[in-house]
Amino acid sequence: MRKWILALVAALSIGAALAATPATVVVLDAENMTCPACGITIKKALEKVLGVAETKVDTRAETVTVAFDSSQTDISAIARAVTEAGFPAKARTGGE
């Protein structure tokens, strides 16, 4: 019983450490988005990028908002994945 409790505590502490990983958010301007299928294509491309936690695609505004772990990936890798999916992308700067 004691081993089971220790294993549970260890698993919970690992989960808490992973959940506490700070996320960086970037907004990308992406070209050529015309329909909901474009958003699906972009989300699938970003699922392959290690460290991407969440993706929101707005086809009307032609933006992609990405939350990611900056210790595993960076903005250029994220923009490259979107661009290679067929939607030339670049990060917004400053207060845009």
PDB file of N, CA and C in Angstrom:
ATOM      1  N   MET A   1       0.825  -1.190   0.000  1.00  0.00           N
ATOM      2  CA  MET A   1       0.000   0.000   0.000  1.00  0.00           C
ATOM      3  C   MET A   1       0.870   1.254   0.000  1.00  0.00           C
ATOM      4  N   ARG A   2       1.960   1.209   0.762  1.00  0.00           N
ATOM      5  CA  ARG A   2       2.834   2.363   0.861  1.00  0.00           C
ATOM      6  C   ARG A   2       3.490   2.667  -0.492  1.00  0.00           C
ATOM      7  N   LYS A   3       3.905   1.632  -1.202  1.00  0.00           N
ATOM      8  CA  LYS A   3       4.508   1.826  -2.522  1.00  0.00           C
ATOM      9  C   LYS A   3       3.508   2.457  -3.485  1.00  0.00           C
ATOM     10  N   TRP A   4       2.270   2.032  -3.393  1.00  0.00           N
ATOM     11  CA  TRP A   4       1.229   2.570  -4.274  1.00  0.00           C
ATOM     12  C   TRP A   4       1.036   4.060  -4.015  1.00  0.00           C
ATOM     13  N   ILE A   5       1.035   4.457  -2.760  1.00  0.00           N
ATOM     14  CA  ILE A   5       0.864   5.864  -2.404  1.00  0.00           C
ATOM     15  C   ILE A   5       2.059   6.683  -2.887  1.00  0.00           C
ATOM     16  N   LEU A   6       3.262   6.154  -2.703  1.00  0.00           N
ATOM     17  CA  LEU A   6       4.453   6.859  -3.175  1.00  0.00           C
ATOM     18  C   LEU A   6       4.442   7.019  -4.695  1.00  0.00           C
ATOM     19  N   ALA A   7       4.006   5.996  -5.404  1.00  0.00           N
ATOM     20  CA  ALA A   7       3.921   6.071  -6.863  1.00  0.00           C
ATOM     21  C   ALA A   7       2.910   7.126  -7.292  1.00  0.00           C
ATOM     22  N   LEU A   8       1.798   7.190  -6.590  1.00  0.00           N
ATOM     23  CA  LEU A   8       0.766   8.185  -6.907  1.00  0.00           C
ATOM     24  C   LEU A   8       1.285   9.592  -6.662  1.00  0.00           C
ATOM     25  N   VAL A   9       1.958   9.811  -5.556  1.00  0.00           N
ATOM     26  CA  VAL A   9       2.518  11.123  -5.249  1.00  0.00           C
ATOM     27  C   VAL A   9       3.555  11.517  -6.297  1.00  0.00           C
ATOM     28  N   ALA A  10       4.384  10.584  -6.702  1.00  0.00           N
ATOM     29  CA  ALA A  10       5.396  10.871  -7.724  1.00  0.00           C
ATOM     30  C   ALA A  10       4.746  11.242  -9.052  1.00  0.00           C
ATOM     31  N   ALA A  11       3.725  10.511  -9.431  1.00  0.00           N
ATOM     32  CA  ALA A  11       3.030  10.799 -10.693  1.00  0.00           C
ATOM     33  C   ALA A  11       2.371  12.170 -10.651  1.00  0.00           C
ATOM     34  N   LEU A  12       1.765  12.504  -9.544  1.00  0.00           N
ATOM     35  CA  LEU A  12       1.114  13.810  -9.416  1.00  0.00           C
ATOM     36  C   LEU A  12       2.125  14.947  -9.445  1.00  0.00           C
ATOM     37  N   SER A  13       3.274  14.759  -8.839  1.00  0.00           N
ATOM     38  CA  SER A  13       4.281  15.818  -8.835  1.00  0.00           C
ATOM     39  C   SER A  13       4.859  16.037 -10.230  1.00  0.00           C
ATOM     40  N   ILE A  14       5.028  14.963 -10.993  1.00  0.00           N
ATOM     41  CA  ILE A  14       5.500  15.096 -12.373  1.00  0.00           C
ATOM     42  C   ILE A  14       4.459  15.833 -13.205  1.00  0.00           C
ATOM     43  N   GLY A  15       3.193  15.483 -13.042  1.00  0.00           N
ATOM     44  CA  GLY A  15       2.116  16.165 -13.766  1.00  0.00           C
ATOM     45  C   GLY A  15       2.045  17.632 -13.416  1.00  0.00           C
ATOM     46  N   ALA A  16       2.229  17.964 -12.157  1.00  0.00           N
ATOM     47  CA  ALA A  16       2.208  19.365 -11.738  1.00  0.00           C
ATOM     48  C   ALA A  16       3.383  20.131 -12.336  1.00  0.00           C
ATOM     49  N   ALA A  17       4.533  19.498 -12.408  1.00  0.00           N
ATOM     50  CA  ALA A  17       5.702  20.157 -12.996  1.00  0.00           C
ATOM     51  C   ALA A  17       5.483  20.436 -14.476  1.00  0.00           C
ATOM     52  N   LEU A  18       4.888  19.487 -15.173  1.00  0.00           N
ATOM     53  CA  LEU A  18       4.610  19.696 -16.596  1.00  0.00           C
ATOM     54  C   LEU A  18       3.562  20.771 -16.809  1.00  0.00           C
ATOM     55  N   ALA A  19       2.546  20.799 -15.968  1.00  0.00           N
ATOM     56  CA  ALA A  19       1.482  21.794 -16.089  1.00  0.00           C
ATOM     57  C   ALA A  19       2.002  23.185 -15.772  1.00  0.00           C
ATOM     58  N   ALA A  20       3.048  23.280 -14.974  1.00  0.00           N
ATOM     59  CA  ALA A  20       3.582  24.565 -14.572  1.00  0.00           C
ATOM     60  C   ALA A  20       4.545  25.151 -15.600  1.00  0.00           C
ATOM     61  N   THR A  21       4.843  24.425 -16.661  1.00  0.00           N
ATOM     62  CA  THR A  21       5.757  24.913 -17.686  1.00  0.00           C
ATOM     63  C   THR A  21       5.189  26.181 -18.304  1.00  0.00           C
ATOM     64  N   PRO A  22       5.936  27.276 -18.250  1.00  0.00           N
ATOM     65  CA  PRO A  22       5.413  28.531 -18.781  1.00  0.00           C
ATOM     66  C   PRO A  22       5.226  28.471 -20.293  1.00  0.00           C
ATOM     67  N   ALA A  23       4.154  29.055 -20.767  1.00  0.00           N
ATOM     68  CA  ALA A  23       3.872  29.069 -22.198  1.00  0.00           C
ATOM     69  C   ALA A  23       4.135  30.463 -22.753  1.00  0.00           C
ATOM     70  N   THR A  24       4.706  30.501 -23.928  1.00  0.00           N
ATOM     71  CA  THR A  24       4.911  31.737 -24.660  1.00  0.00           C
ATOM     72  C   THR A  24       3.838  31.775 -25.739  1.00  0.00           C
ATOM     73  N   VAL A  25       3.286  32.943 -26.002  1.00  0.00           N
ATOM     74  CA  VAL A  25       2.234  33.073 -27.010  1.00  0.00           C
ATOM     75  C   VAL A  25       2.723  33.991 -28.118  1.00  0.00           C
ATOM     76  N   VAL A  26       2.491  33.564 -29.349  1.00  0.00           N
ATOM     77  CA  VAL A  26       2.844  34.374 -30.507  1.00  0.00           C
ATOM     78  C   VAL A  26       1.629  34.445 -31.434  1.00  0.00           C
ATOM     79  N   VAL A  27       1.462  35.599 -32.072  1.00  0.00           N
ATOM     80  CA  VAL A  27       0.417  35.757 -33.089  1.00  0.00           C
ATOM     81  C   VAL A  27       1.121  35.898 -34.426  1.00  0.00           C
ATOM     82  N   LEU A  28       0.745  35.028 -35.362  1.00  0.00           N
ATOM     83  CA  LEU A  28       1.316  35.060 -36.705  1.00  0.00           C
ATOM     84  C   LEU A  28       0.285  35.588 -37.689  1.00  0.00           C
ATOM     85  N   ASP A  29       0.733  36.390 -38.636  1.00  0.00           N
ATOM     86  CA  ASP A  29      -0.099  36.755 -39.778  1.00  0.00           C
ATOM     87  C   ASP A  29       0.187  35.717 -40.845  1.00  0.00           C
ATOM     88  N   ALA A  30      -0.862  35.063 -41.343  1.00  0.00           N
ATOM     89  CA  ALA A  30      -0.700  34.014 -42.347  1.00  0.00           C
ATOM     90  C   ALA A  30      -1.521  34.360 -43.583  1.00  0.00           C
ATOM     91  N   GLU A  31      -0.929  34.162 -44.731  1.00  0.00           N
ATOM     92  CA  GLU A  31      -1.588  34.478 -46.000  1.00  0.00           C
ATOM     93  C   GLU A  31      -2.314  33.257 -46.564  1.00  0.00           C
ATOM     94  N   ASN A  32      -3.211  33.509 -47.496  1.00  0.00           N
ATOM     95  CA  ASN A  32      -3.881  32.483 -48.300  1.00  0.00           C
ATOM     96  C   ASN A  32      -4.931  31.654 -47.559  1.00  0.00           C
ATOM     97  N   MET A  33      -5.359  32.058 -46.373  1.00  0.00           N
ATOM     98  CA  MET A  33      -6.402  31.306 -45.673  1.00  0.00           C
ATOM     99  C   MET A  33      -7.749  31.714 -46.236  1.00  0.00           C
ATOM    100  N   THR A  34      -8.474  30.740 -46.775  1.00  0.00           N
ATOM    101  CA  THR A  34      -9.741  31.048 -47.423  1.00  0.00           C
ATOM    102  C   THR A  34     -10.941  30.306 -46.841  1.00  0.00           C
ATOM    103  N   CYS A  35     -10.700  29.231 -46.082  1.00  0.00           N
ATOM    104  CA  CYS A  35     -11.824  28.424 -45.600  1.00  0.00           C
ATOM    105  C   CYS A  35     -11.444  27.680 -44.318  1.00  0.00           C
ATOM    106  N   PRO A  36     -12.409  27.061 -43.656  1.00  0.00           N
ATOM    107  CA  PRO A  36     -12.112  26.311 -42.431  1.00  0.00           C
ATOM    108  C   PRO A  36     -11.095  25.180 -42.629  1.00  0.00           C
ATOM    109  N   ALA A  37     -11.030  24.607 -43.802  1.00  0.00           N
ATOM    110  CA  ALA A  37     -10.055  23.540 -44.051  1.00  0.00           C
ATOM    111  C   ALA A  37      -8.629  24.071 -43.933  1.00  0.00           C
ATOM    112  N   CYS A  38      -8.426  25.334 -44.224  1.00  0.00           N
ATOM    113  CA  CYS A  38      -7.101  25.934 -44.069  1.00  0.00           C
ATOM    114  C   CYS A  38      -6.680  25.884 -42.605  1.00  0.00           C
ATOM    115  N   GLY A  39      -7.610  26.195 -41.710  1.00  0.00           N
ATOM    116  CA  GLY A  39      -7.322  26.143 -40.285  1.00  0.00           C
ATOM    117  C   GLY A  39      -6.962  24.744 -39.823  1.00  0.00           C
ATOM    118  N   ILE A  40      -7.650  23.760 -40.360  1.00  0.00           N
ATOM    119  CA  ILE A  40      -7.359  22.363 -40.010  1.00  0.00           C
ATOM    120  C   ILE A  40      -5.961  21.987 -40.485  1.00  0.00           C
ATOM    121  N   THR A  41      -5.595  22.408 -41.685  1.00  0.00           N
ATOM    122  CA  THR A  41      -4.275  22.120 -42.229  1.00  0.00           C
ATOM    123  C   THR A  41      -3.185  22.745 -41.359  1.00  0.00           C
ATOM    124  N   ILE A  42      -3.402  23.979 -40.932  1.00  0.00           N
ATOM    125  CA  ILE A  42      -2.418  24.667 -40.100  1.00  0.00           C
ATOM    126  C   ILE A  42      -2.298  23.979 -38.740  1.00  0.00           C
ATOM    127  N   LYS A  43      -3.426  23.632 -38.143  1.00  0.00           N
ATOM    128  CA  LYS A  43      -3.390  22.959 -36.834  1.00  0.00           C
ATOM    129  C   LYS A  43      -2.644  21.629 -36.923  1.00  0.00           C
ATOM    130  N   LYS A  44      -2.880  20.877 -37.987  1.00  0.00           N
ATOM    131  CA  LYS A  44      -2.185  19.598 -38.152  1.00  0.00           C
ATOM    132  C   LYS A  44      -0.681  19.802 -38.325  1.00  0.00           C
ATOM    133  N   ALA A  45      -0.297  20.841 -39.047  1.00  0.00           N
ATOM    134  CA  ALA A  45       1.130  21.130 -39.232  1.00  0.00           C
ATOM    135  C   ALA A  45       1.771  21.498 -37.896  1.00  0.00           C
ATOM    136  N   LEU A  46       1.074  22.270 -37.076  1.00  0.00           N
ATOM    137  CA  LEU A  46       1.640  22.697 -35.797  1.00  0.00           C
ATOM    138  C   LEU A  46       1.637  21.593 -34.748  1.00  0.00           C
ATOM    139  N   GLU A  47       0.767  20.598 -34.903  1.00  0.00           N
ATOM    140  CA  GLU A  47       0.779  19.449 -33.983  1.00  0.00           C
ATOM    141  C   GLU A  47       2.103  18.691 -34.069  1.00  0.00           C
ATOM    142  N   LYS A  48       2.788  18.805 -35.193  1.00  0.00           N
ATOM    143  CA  LYS A  48       4.053  18.101 -35.407  1.00  0.00           C
ATOM    144  C   LYS A  48       5.247  18.853 -34.816  1.00  0.00           C
ATOM    145  N   VAL A  49       5.032  20.096 -34.380  1.00  0.00           N
ATOM    146  CA  VAL A  49       6.119  20.898 -33.821  1.00  0.00           C
ATOM    147  C   VAL A  49       6.187  20.643 -32.319  1.00  0.00           C
ATOM    148  N   LEU A  50       7.296  20.086 -31.880  1.00  0.00           N
ATOM    149  CA  LEU A  50       7.493  19.781 -30.471  1.00  0.00           C
ATOM    150  C   LEU A  50       7.415  21.057 -29.641  1.00  0.00           C
ATOM    151  N   GLY A  51       6.595  21.049 -28.597  1.00  0.00           N
ATOM    152  CA  GLY A  51       6.486  22.198 -27.707  1.00  0.00           C
ATOM    153  C   GLY A  51       5.250  23.044 -27.934  1.00  0.00           C
ATOM    154  N   VAL A  52       4.551  22.858 -29.057  1.00  0.00           N
ATOM    155  CA  VAL A  52       3.322  23.620 -29.292  1.00  0.00           C
ATOM    156  C   VAL A  52       2.225  23.044 -28.414  1.00  0.00           C
ATOM    157  N   ALA A  53       1.623  23.908 -27.596  1.00  0.00           N
ATOM    158  CA  ALA A  53       0.612  23.455 -26.648  1.00  0.00           C
ATOM    159  C   ALA A  53      -0.802  23.721 -27.138  1.00  0.00           C
ATOM    160  N   GLU A  54      -1.005  24.857 -27.786  1.00  0.00           N
ATOM    161  CA  GLU A  54      -2.359  25.230 -28.209  1.00  0.00           C
ATOM    162  C   GLU A  54      -2.281  26.104 -29.448  1.00  0.00           C
ATOM    163  N   THR A  55      -3.262  25.933 -30.331  1.00  0.00           N
ATOM    164  CA  THR A  55      -3.307  26.694 -31.574  1.00  0.00           C
ATOM    165  C   THR A  55      -4.718  27.205 -31.803  1.00  0.00           C
ATOM    166  N   LYS A  56      -4.831  28.469 -32.185  1.00  0.00           N
ATOM    167  CA  LYS A  56      -6.130  29.048 -32.551  1.00  0.00           C
ATOM    168  C   LYS A  56      -5.956  29.736 -33.900  1.00  0.00           C
ATOM    169  N   VAL A  57      -6.776  29.339 -34.861  1.00  0.00           N
ATOM    170  CA  VAL A  57      -6.698  29.891 -36.212  1.00  0.00           C
ATOM    171  C   VAL A  57      -7.937  30.730 -36.469  1.00  0.00           C
ATOM    172  N   ASP A  58      -7.730  31.963 -36.931  1.00  0.00           N
ATOM    173  CA  ASP A  58      -8.826  32.857 -37.314  1.00  0.00           C
ATOM    174  C   ASP A  58      -8.680  33.136 -38.807  1.00  0.00           C
ATOM    175  N   THR A  59      -9.486  32.433 -39.620  1.00  0.00           N
ATOM    176  CA  THR A  59      -9.336  32.566 -41.075  1.00  0.00           C
ATOM    177  C   THR A  59      -9.761  33.943 -41.564  1.00  0.00           C
ATOM    178  N   ARG A  60     -10.734  34.558 -40.912  1.00  0.00           N
ATOM    179  CA  ARG A  60     -11.172  35.894 -41.344  1.00  0.00           C
ATOM    180  C   ARG A  60     -10.086  36.940 -41.134  1.00  0.00           C
ATOM    181  N   ALA A  61      -9.456  36.899 -39.972  1.00  0.00           N
ATOM    182  CA  ALA A  61      -8.393  37.863 -39.667  1.00  0.00           C
ATOM    183  C   ALA A  61      -7.050  37.427 -40.233  1.00  0.00           C
ATOM    184  N   GLU A  62      -6.985  36.189 -40.742  1.00  0.00           N
ATOM    185  CA  GLU A  62      -5.758  35.586 -41.258  1.00  0.00           C
ATOM    186  C   GLU A  62      -4.647  35.609 -40.208  1.00  0.00           C
ATOM    187  N   THR A  63      -5.019  35.152 -38.987  1.00  0.00           N
ATOM    188  CA  THR A  63      -4.040  35.066 -37.911  1.00  0.00           C
ATOM    189  C   THR A  63      -4.026  33.660 -37.312  1.00  0.00           C
ATOM    190  N   VAL A  64      -2.881  33.327 -36.758  1.00  0.00           N
ATOM    191  CA  VAL A  64      -2.697  32.065 -36.048  1.00  0.00           C
ATOM    192  C   VAL A  64      -2.075  32.424 -34.699  1.00  0.00           C
ATOM    193  N   THR A  65      -2.763  32.067 -33.617  1.00  0.00           N
ATOM    194  CA  THR A  65      -2.251  32.316 -32.283  1.00  0.00           C
ATOM    195  C   THR A  65      -1.759  30.983 -31.723  1.00  0.00           C
ATOM    196  N   VAL A  66      -0.516  30.967 -31.262  1.00  0.00           N
ATOM    197  CA  VAL A  66       0.104  29.719 -30.824  1.00  0.00           C
ATOM    198  C   VAL A  66       0.696  29.902 -29.432  1.00  0.00           C
ATOM    199  N   ALA A  67       0.326  28.995 -28.523  1.00  0.00           N
ATOM    200  CA  ALA A  67       0.966  28.922 -27.210  1.00  0.00           C
ATOM    201  C   ALA A  67       1.966  27.776 -27.269  1.00  0.00           C
ATOM    202  N   PHE A  68       3.194  28.048 -26.808  1.00  0.00           N
ATOM    203  CA  PHE A  68       4.230  27.029 -26.920  1.00  0.00           C
ATOM    204  C   PHE A  68       5.228  27.146 -25.778  1.00  0.00           C
ATOM    205  N   ASP A  69       5.985  26.092 -25.593  1.00  0.00           N
ATOM    206  CA  ASP A  69       7.049  26.035 -24.596  1.00  0.00           C
ATOM    207  C   ASP A  69       8.329  26.495 -25.283  1.00  0.00           C
ATOM    208  N   SER A  70       8.835  27.652 -24.867  1.00  0.00           N
ATOM    209  CA  SER A  70      10.009  28.227 -25.532  1.00  0.00           C
ATOM    210  C   SER A  70      11.296  27.444 -25.284  1.00  0.00           C
ATOM    211  N   SER A  71      11.257  26.484 -24.359  1.00  0.00           N
ATOM    212  CA  SER A  71      12.441  25.650 -24.162  1.00  0.00           C
ATOM    213  C   SER A  71      12.487  24.500 -25.169  1.00  0.00           C
ATOM    214  N   GLN A  72      11.390  24.283 -25.910  1.00  0.00           N
ATOM    215  CA  GLN A  72      11.328  23.197 -26.877  1.00  0.00           C
ATOM    216  C   GLN A  72      11.267  23.668 -28.321  1.00  0.00           C
ATOM    217  N   THR A  73      10.803  24.879 -28.562  1.00  0.00           N
ATOM    218  CA  THR A  73      10.709  25.396 -29.925  1.00  0.00           C
ATOM    219  C   THR A  73      10.801  26.902 -29.895  1.00  0.00           C
ATOM    220  N   ASP A  74      10.792  27.521 -31.065  1.00  0.00           N
ATOM    221  CA  ASP A  74      10.848  28.980 -31.122  1.00  0.00           C
ATOM    222  C   ASP A  74       9.905  29.493 -32.205  1.00  0.00           C
ATOM    223  N   ILE A  75       9.802  30.799 -32.272  1.00  0.00           N
ATOM    224  CA  ILE A  75       8.855  31.432 -33.196  1.00  0.00           C
ATOM    225  C   ILE A  75       9.204  31.116 -34.647  1.00  0.00           C
ATOM    226  N   SER A  76      10.483  31.084 -34.976  1.00  0.00           N
ATOM    227  CA  SER A  76      10.848  30.820 -36.377  1.00  0.00           C
ATOM    228  C   SER A  76      10.451  29.412 -36.804  1.00  0.00           C
ATOM    229  N   ALA A  77      10.559  28.424 -35.908  1.00  0.00           N
ATOM    230  CA  ALA A  77      10.146  27.056 -36.248  1.00  0.00           C
ATOM    231  C   ALA A  77       8.636  26.983 -36.439  1.00  0.00           C
ATOM    232  N   ILE A  78       7.903  27.726 -35.635  1.00  0.00           N
ATOM    233  CA  ILE A  78       6.444  27.740 -35.746  1.00  0.00           C
ATOM    234  C   ILE A  78       6.028  28.406 -37.059  1.00  0.00           C
ATOM    235  N   ALA A  79       6.618  29.553 -37.367  1.00  0.00           N
ATOM    236  CA  ALA A  79       6.303  30.251 -38.622  1.00  0.00           C
ATOM    237  C   ALA A  79       6.679  29.402 -39.827  1.00  0.00           C
ATOM    238  N   ARG A  80       7.802  28.704 -39.730  1.00  0.00           N
ATOM    239  CA  ARG A  80       8.247  27.831 -40.832  1.00  0.00           C
ATOM    240  C   ARG A  80       7.247  26.703 -41.066  1.00  0.00           C
ATOM    241  N   ALA A  81       6.716  26.108 -39.998  1.00  0.00           N
ATOM    242  CA  ALA A  81       5.742  25.017 -40.134  1.00  0.00           C
ATOM    243  C   ALA A  81       4.474  25.503 -40.826  1.00  0.00           C
ATOM    244  N   VAL A  82       4.019  26.695 -40.469  1.00  0.00           N
ATOM    245  CA  VAL A  82       2.817  27.254 -41.099  1.00  0.00           C
ATOM    246  C   VAL A  82       3.096  27.576 -42.561  1.00  0.00           C
ATOM    247  N   THR A  83       4.256  28.161 -42.825  1.00  0.00           N
ATOM    248  CA  THR A  83       4.630  28.502 -44.200  1.00  0.00           C
ATOM    249  C   THR A  83       4.746  27.252 -45.066  1.00  0.00           C
ATOM    250  N   GLU A  84       5.384  26.209 -44.526  1.00  0.00           N
ATOM    251  CA  GLU A  84       5.536  24.965 -45.284  1.00  0.00           C
ATOM    252  C   GLU A  84       4.205  24.260 -45.521  1.00  0.00           C
ATOM    253  N   ALA A  85       3.196  24.581 -44.700  1.00  0.00           N
ATOM    254  CA  ALA A  85       1.859  24.018 -44.909  1.00  0.00           C
ATOM    255  C   ALA A  85       1.123  24.755 -46.029  1.00  0.00           C
ATOM    256  N   GLY A  86       1.744  25.815 -46.551  1.00  0.00           N
ATOM    257  CA  GLY A  86       1.148  26.540 -47.673  1.00  0.00           C
ATOM    258  C   GLY A  86       0.578  27.904 -47.331  1.00  0.00           C
ATOM    259  N   PHE A  87       0.906  28.400 -46.133  1.00  0.00           N
ATOM    260  CA  PHE A  87       0.360  29.664 -45.683  1.00  0.00           C
ATOM    261  C   PHE A  87       1.500  30.541 -45.174  1.00  0.00           C
ATOM    262  N   PRO A  88       2.131  31.313 -46.086  1.00  0.00           N
ATOM    263  CA  PRO A  88       3.273  32.137 -45.686  1.00  0.00           C
ATOM    264  C   PRO A  88       2.942  32.930 -44.422  1.00  0.00           C
ATOM    265  N   ALA A  89       3.789  32.768 -43.385  1.00  0.00           N
ATOM    266  CA  ALA A  89       3.489  33.364 -42.089  1.00  0.00           C
ATOM    267  C   ALA A  89       4.679  34.119 -41.537  1.00  0.00           C
ATOM    268  N   LYS A  90       4.373  35.165 -40.782  1.00  0.00           N
ATOM    269  CA  LYS A  90       5.404  35.884 -40.045  1.00  0.00           C
ATOM    270  C   LYS A  90       4.784  36.386 -38.742  1.00  0.00           C
ATOM    271  N   ALA A  91       5.621  36.485 -37.731  1.00  0.00           N
ATOM    272  CA  ALA A  91       5.158  36.900 -36.405  1.00  0.00           C
ATOM    273  C   ALA A  91       4.831  38.385 -36.426  1.00  0.00           C
ATOM    274  N   ARG A  92       3.791  38.731 -35.696  1.00  0.00           N
ATOM    275  CA  ARG A  92       3.469  40.145 -35.524  1.00  0.00           C
ATOM    276  C   ARG A  92       4.504  40.767 -34.610  1.00  0.00           C
ATOM    277  N   THR A  93       4.757  42.042 -34.835  1.00  0.00           N
ATOM    278  CA  THR A  93       5.733  42.733 -34.015  1.00  0.00           C
ATOM    279  C   THR A  93       5.038  43.733 -33.100  1.00  0.00           C
ATOM    280  N   GLY A  94       5.622  43.944 -31.940  1.00  0.00           N
ATOM    281  CA  GLY A  94       5.178  44.969 -31.001  1.00  0.00           C
ATOM    282  C   GLY A  94       3.691  45.013 -30.742  1.00  0.00           C
ATOM    283  N   GLY A  95       3.091  46.183 -30.918  1.00  0.00           N
ATOM    284  CA  GLY A  95       1.695  46.393 -30.561  1.00  0.00           C
ATOM    285  C   GLY A  95       0.702  46.191 -31.674  1.00  0.00           C
ATOM    286  N   GLU A  96       1.076  45.492 -32.706  1.00  0.00           N
ATOM    287  CA  GLU A  96       0.125  45.258 -33.816  1.00  0.00           C
ATOM    288  C   GLU A  96      -0.994  44.351 -33.428  1.00  0.00           C
TER     289      GLU A  96
END
